Amino acid sequence: MIPVATEWVVVNTVRSLMQMVLGKRLPITAGTLELAGVSGPVRISRDALGVAYVNADSDTDAWFGLGFAHGQDRAFQLESIPLSIAWSQLKLATTVVDTLEIRPE
């Protein structure tokens, strides 16, 4: 089992590398946002590994906060899917060109 301190270093290293590659697309985890759709305060806190904890006055607001945190966590996946598809298409096109032996003149 990996010690928690080591996991924290690994997670932060990966996070830093992803931020260098993707820019500022990581979720906002500090500060205050005012959003429509909630009837009271919703607090979303994260532990050292980035796990979200939602506290709210009502179940509806808690579900809203959970959905918001989930959306933040899934943003990377949603942005990486088109890149993955483009990479697959490139590999397929390269395979077709190699199979048909199409060469530029």
C-alpha atoms as a PDB file:
ATOM      1  CA  MET A   1       0.000   0.000   0.000  1.00  0.00           C
ATOM      2  CA  ILE A   2       1.299   3.457  -0.951  1.00  0.00           C
ATOM      3  CA  PRO A   3       1.523   5.923   1.962  1.00  0.00           C
ATOM      4  CA  VAL A   4      -0.924   8.835   1.801  1.00  0.00           C
ATOM      5  CA  ALA A   5       1.908  11.397   1.566  1.00  0.00           C
ATOM      6  CA  THR A   6       3.318   9.598  -1.482  1.00  0.00           C
ATOM      7  CA  GLU A   7      -0.155   9.437  -3.078  1.00  0.00           C
ATOM      8  CA  TRP A   8      -0.523  13.176  -2.495  1.00  0.00           C
ATOM      9  CA  VAL A   9       2.817  13.869  -4.239  1.00  0.00           C
ATOM     10  CA  VAL A  10       1.872  11.613  -7.167  1.00  0.00           C
ATOM     11  CA  VAL A  11      -1.572  13.209  -7.544  1.00  0.00           C
ATOM     12  CA  ASN A  12      -0.159  16.735  -7.415  1.00  0.00           C
ATOM     13  CA  THR A  13       2.618  15.840  -9.867  1.00  0.00           C
ATOM     14  CA  VAL A  14       0.103  14.404 -12.328  1.00  0.00           C
ATOM     15  CA  ARG A  15      -2.155  17.423 -11.799  1.00  0.00           C
ATOM     16  CA  SER A  16       0.755  19.797 -12.506  1.00  0.00           C
ATOM     17  CA  LEU A  17       1.707  17.907 -15.673  1.00  0.00           C
ATOM     18  CA  MET A  18      -1.904  17.942 -16.897  1.00  0.00           C
ATOM     19  CA  GLN A  19      -2.104  21.671 -16.198  1.00  0.00           C
ATOM     20  CA  MET A  20       1.047  22.255 -18.265  1.00  0.00           C
ATOM     21  CA  VAL A  21      -0.417  20.232 -21.139  1.00  0.00           C
ATOM     22  CA  LEU A  22      -4.019  21.459 -20.984  1.00  0.00           C
ATOM     23  CA  GLY A  23      -3.561  24.936 -19.559  1.00  0.00           C
ATOM     24  CA  LYS A  24      -5.994  26.335 -17.003  1.00  0.00           C
ATOM     25  CA  ARG A  25      -8.766  23.800 -17.649  1.00  0.00           C
ATOM     26  CA  LEU A  26      -8.647  22.270 -14.186  1.00  0.00           C
ATOM     27  CA  PRO A  27     -11.684  22.760 -11.926  1.00  0.00           C
ATOM     28  CA  ILE A  28     -12.028  25.798  -9.703  1.00  0.00           C
ATOM     29  CA  THR A  29     -11.568  24.440  -6.179  1.00  0.00           C
ATOM     30  CA  ALA A  30     -11.175  27.677  -4.208  1.00  0.00           C
ATOM     31  CA  GLY A  31     -13.329  30.765  -3.854  1.00  0.00           C
ATOM     32  CA  THR A  32     -17.035  31.463  -4.010  1.00  0.00           C
ATOM     33  CA  LEU A  33     -19.453  31.179  -6.921  1.00  0.00           C
ATOM     34  CA  GLU A  34     -23.010  32.463  -7.054  1.00  0.00           C
ATOM     35  CA  LEU A  35     -25.158  30.195  -9.217  1.00  0.00           C
ATOM     36  CA  ALA A  36     -28.845  30.093 -10.046  1.00  0.00           C
ATOM     37  CA  GLY A  37     -30.683  26.949  -9.056  1.00  0.00           C
ATOM     38  CA  VAL A  38     -29.860  26.672  -5.349  1.00  0.00           C
ATOM     39  CA  SER A  39     -32.028  27.878  -2.486  1.00  0.00           C
ATOM     40  CA  GLY A  40     -29.299  28.047   0.158  1.00  0.00           C
ATOM     41  CA  PRO A  41     -25.556  27.862   0.646  1.00  0.00           C
ATOM     42  CA  VAL A  42     -23.752  24.804  -0.719  1.00  0.00           C
ATOM     43  CA  ARG A  43     -20.198  24.081   0.373  1.00  0.00           C
ATOM     44  CA  ILE A  44     -18.021  21.792  -1.737  1.00  0.00           C
ATOM     45  CA  SER A  45     -14.713  20.927  -0.121  1.00  0.00           C
ATOM     46  CA  ARG A  46     -12.027  18.560  -1.347  1.00  0.00           C
ATOM     47  CA  ASP A  47      -9.493  16.523   0.556  1.00  0.00           C
ATOM     48  CA  ALA A  48      -5.801  16.201  -0.353  1.00  0.00           C
ATOM     49  CA  LEU A  49      -6.601  13.639  -3.066  1.00  0.00           C
ATOM     50  CA  GLY A  50      -9.326  15.783  -4.643  1.00  0.00           C
ATOM     51  CA  VAL A  51     -12.342  13.822  -3.353  1.00  0.00           C
ATOM     52  CA  ALA A  52     -15.348  16.159  -3.159  1.00  0.00           C
ATOM     53  CA  TYR A  53     -17.510  16.518  -0.029  1.00  0.00           C
ATOM     54  CA  VAL A  54     -20.822  18.382  -0.357  1.00  0.00           C
ATOM     55  CA  ASN A  55     -22.612  20.120   2.542  1.00  0.00           C
ATOM     56  CA  ALA A  56     -25.970  21.835   2.016  1.00  0.00           C
ATOM     57  CA  ASP A  57     -29.139  22.772   3.928  1.00  0.00           C
ATOM     58  CA  SER A  58     -31.469  20.753   1.696  1.00  0.00           C
ATOM     59  CA  ASP A  59     -31.284  17.522  -0.290  1.00  0.00           C
ATOM     60  CA  THR A  60     -32.017  19.387  -3.514  1.00  0.00           C
ATOM     61  CA  ASP A  61     -29.100  21.758  -2.956  1.00  0.00           C
ATOM     62  CA  ALA A  62     -26.836  18.844  -2.006  1.00  0.00           C
ATOM     63  CA  TRP A  63     -27.714  17.050  -5.258  1.00  0.00           C
ATOM     64  CA  PHE A  64     -27.011  20.266  -7.165  1.00  0.00           C
ATOM     65  CA  GLY A  65     -23.612  20.545  -5.467  1.00  0.00           C
ATOM     66  CA  LEU A  66     -22.835  16.900  -6.184  1.00  0.00           C
ATOM     67  CA  GLY A  67     -23.702  17.400  -9.858  1.00  0.00           C
ATOM     68  CA  PHE A  68     -21.548  20.517  -9.990  1.00  0.00           C
ATOM     69  CA  ALA A  69     -18.555  18.701  -8.473  1.00  0.00           C
ATOM     70  CA  HIS A  70     -19.134  15.740 -10.792  1.00  0.00           C
ATOM     71  CA  GLY A  71     -19.200  18.079 -13.792  1.00  0.00           C
ATOM     72  CA  GLN A  72     -15.899  19.625 -12.715  1.00  0.00           C
ATOM     73  CA  ASP A  73     -14.311  16.198 -12.381  1.00  0.00           C
ATOM     74  CA  ARG A  74     -15.636  14.968 -15.730  1.00  0.00           C
ATOM     75  CA  ALA A  75     -14.596  18.053 -17.726  1.00  0.00           C
ATOM     76  CA  PHE A  76     -11.182  16.553 -18.505  1.00  0.00           C
ATOM     77  CA  GLN A  77     -12.775  13.367 -19.803  1.00  0.00           C
ATOM     78  CA  LEU A  78     -15.183  15.301 -21.988  1.00  0.00           C
ATOM     79  CA  GLU A  79     -12.321  17.365 -23.431  1.00  0.00           C
ATOM     80  CA  SER A  80     -10.106  14.319 -24.002  1.00  0.00           C
ATOM     81  CA  ILE A  81     -12.701  12.268 -25.928  1.00  0.00           C
ATOM     82  CA  PRO A  82     -12.411  14.320 -29.170  1.00  0.00           C
ATOM     83  CA  LEU A  83      -8.607  14.109 -28.905  1.00  0.00           C
ATOM     84  CA  SER A  84      -8.840  10.335 -28.526  1.00  0.00           C
ATOM     85  CA  ILE A  85     -11.168  10.066 -31.533  1.00  0.00           C
ATOM     86  CA  ALA A  86      -8.860  12.221 -33.662  1.00  0.00           C
ATOM     87  CA  TRP A  87      -5.875  10.059 -32.656  1.00  0.00           C
ATOM     88  CA  SER A  88      -7.786   6.879 -33.572  1.00  0.00           C
ATOM     89  CA  GLN A  89      -8.741   8.346 -36.957  1.00  0.00           C
ATOM     90  CA  LEU A  90      -5.127   9.292 -37.606  1.00  0.00           C
ATOM     91  CA  LYS A  91      -3.956   5.765 -36.797  1.00  0.00           C
ATOM     92  CA  LEU A  92      -6.678   4.313 -39.065  1.00  0.00           C
ATOM     93  CA  ALA A  93      -5.748   6.636 -41.928  1.00  0.00           C
ATOM     94  CA  THR A  94      -2.076   5.739 -41.541  1.00  0.00           C
ATOM     95  CA  THR A  95      -2.931   2.034 -41.627  1.00  0.00           C
ATOM     96  CA  VAL A  96      -5.046   2.473 -44.783  1.00  0.00           C
ATOM     97  CA  VAL A  97      -2.270   4.437 -46.504  1.00  0.00           C
ATOM     98  CA  ASP A  98       0.286   1.756 -45.594  1.00  0.00           C
ATOM     99  CA  THR A  99      -2.045  -1.061 -46.736  1.00  0.00           C
ATOM    100  CA  LEU A 100      -2.820   0.560 -50.085  1.00  0.00           C
ATOM    101  CA  GLU A 101       0.811   1.577 -50.480  1.00  0.00           C
ATOM    102  CA  ILE A 102      -0.167   5.139 -51.361  1.00  0.00           C
ATOM    103  CA  ARG A 103       2.953   7.236 -51.570  1.00  0.00           C
ATOM    104  CA  PRO A 104       3.329  10.904 -52.452  1.00  0.00           C
ATOM    105  CA  GLU A 105       5.039  11.526 -55.769  1.00  0.00           C
END
